[in-house]
Amino acid sequence: MYKLFVIVGIILIVIGLLLKFVPGALTWFGNLPGDIKYKNGNTQVFFPITSMIVVSIAISLILRWVRKFYS
């Protein structure tokens, strides 16, 4: 189980470094077709439906790969 936490930690560090040092690395996130943005006066509502589906698929694939090689 500790190997899984180490791998997830490394992935989070890599994503953090990308966001910090590579301008525009994840500008697509939140701007995919299917992400709902609603603006009306002072009210803003944002539902990143498509972006969360992409994140869910990526996490599922990573966990399946980790389970395959480390179980």
Protein backbone atom coordinates (compact mmCIF):
# COMPACT_ATOMS: atom_id res chain seq x y z
CA MET A 1 0.00 0.00 0.00
CA TYR A 2 2.87 2.39 0.73
CA LYS A 3 4.10 2.05 -2.85
CA LEU A 4 0.77 3.38 -4.08
CA PHE A 5 1.07 6.44 -1.83
CA VAL A 6 4.60 7.10 -3.05
CA ILE A 7 3.54 6.87 -6.70
CA VAL A 8 0.52 9.14 -6.17
CA GLY A 9 2.77 11.61 -4.33
CA ILE A 10 5.27 11.65 -7.17
CA ILE A 11 2.50 12.22 -9.71
CA LEU A 12 1.15 15.13 -7.65
CA ILE A 13 4.62 16.65 -7.37
CA VAL A 14 5.12 16.41 -11.15
CA ILE A 15 1.76 18.08 -11.79
CA GLY A 16 2.62 20.81 -9.28
CA LEU A 17 5.99 21.44 -10.91
CA LEU A 18 4.33 21.63 -14.33
CA LEU A 19 1.88 24.21 -13.06
CA LYS A 20 4.64 26.21 -11.38
CA PHE A 21 7.35 26.25 -14.05
CA VAL A 22 5.66 25.62 -17.44
CA PRO A 23 3.39 28.51 -18.39
CA GLY A 24 0.22 27.28 -20.02
CA ALA A 25 0.86 23.61 -19.15
CA LEU A 26 -2.74 22.90 -18.19
CA THR A 27 -4.65 25.77 -19.77
CA TRP A 28 -6.92 23.25 -21.49
CA PHE A 29 -8.23 22.08 -18.14
CA GLY A 30 -11.62 23.64 -17.49
CA ASN A 31 -12.01 24.79 -21.09
CA LEU A 32 -13.06 21.54 -22.74
CA PRO A 33 -16.31 21.22 -24.67
CA GLY A 34 -18.91 20.10 -22.17
CA ASP A 35 -17.65 22.23 -19.29
CA ILE A 36 -20.56 24.41 -18.28
CA LYS A 37 -19.95 28.11 -17.60
CA TYR A 38 -22.81 30.41 -16.65
CA LYS A 39 -22.44 34.15 -16.08
CA ASN A 40 -25.29 36.47 -15.24
CA GLY A 41 -24.51 39.81 -13.66
CA ASN A 42 -22.54 39.15 -10.49
CA THR A 43 -23.29 35.41 -10.53
CA GLN A 44 -20.85 32.89 -11.95
CA VAL A 45 -21.35 29.13 -11.97
CA PHE A 46 -18.83 26.65 -13.36
CA PHE A 47 -19.31 22.88 -13.72
CA PRO A 48 -16.19 21.18 -15.19
CA ILE A 49 -18.05 18.02 -16.22
CA THR A 50 -15.85 16.99 -19.16
CA SER A 51 -12.62 17.88 -17.38
CA MET A 52 -13.59 15.73 -14.39
CA ILE A 53 -14.40 12.81 -16.70
CA VAL A 54 -10.91 13.11 -18.23
CA VAL A 55 -9.35 13.22 -14.74
CA SER A 56 -11.40 10.20 -13.65
CA ILE A 57 -10.30 8.17 -16.68
CA ALA A 58 -6.66 9.13 -16.12
CA ILE A 59 -6.76 8.17 -12.44
CA SER A 60 -8.48 4.87 -13.27
CA LEU A 61 -5.82 4.01 -15.84
CA ILE A 62 -2.98 4.93 -13.49
CA LEU A 63 -4.44 2.88 -10.63
CA ARG A 64 -5.05 -0.08 -12.94
CA TRP A 65 -1.43 0.11 -14.10
CA VAL A 66 -0.14 0.35 -10.53
CA ARG A 67 -2.34 -2.57 -9.42
CA LYS A 68 -1.12 -4.68 -12.34
CA PHE A 69 2.59 -4.17 -11.66
CA TYR A 70 2.64 -3.90 -7.86
CA SER A 71 0.11 -6.52 -6.78
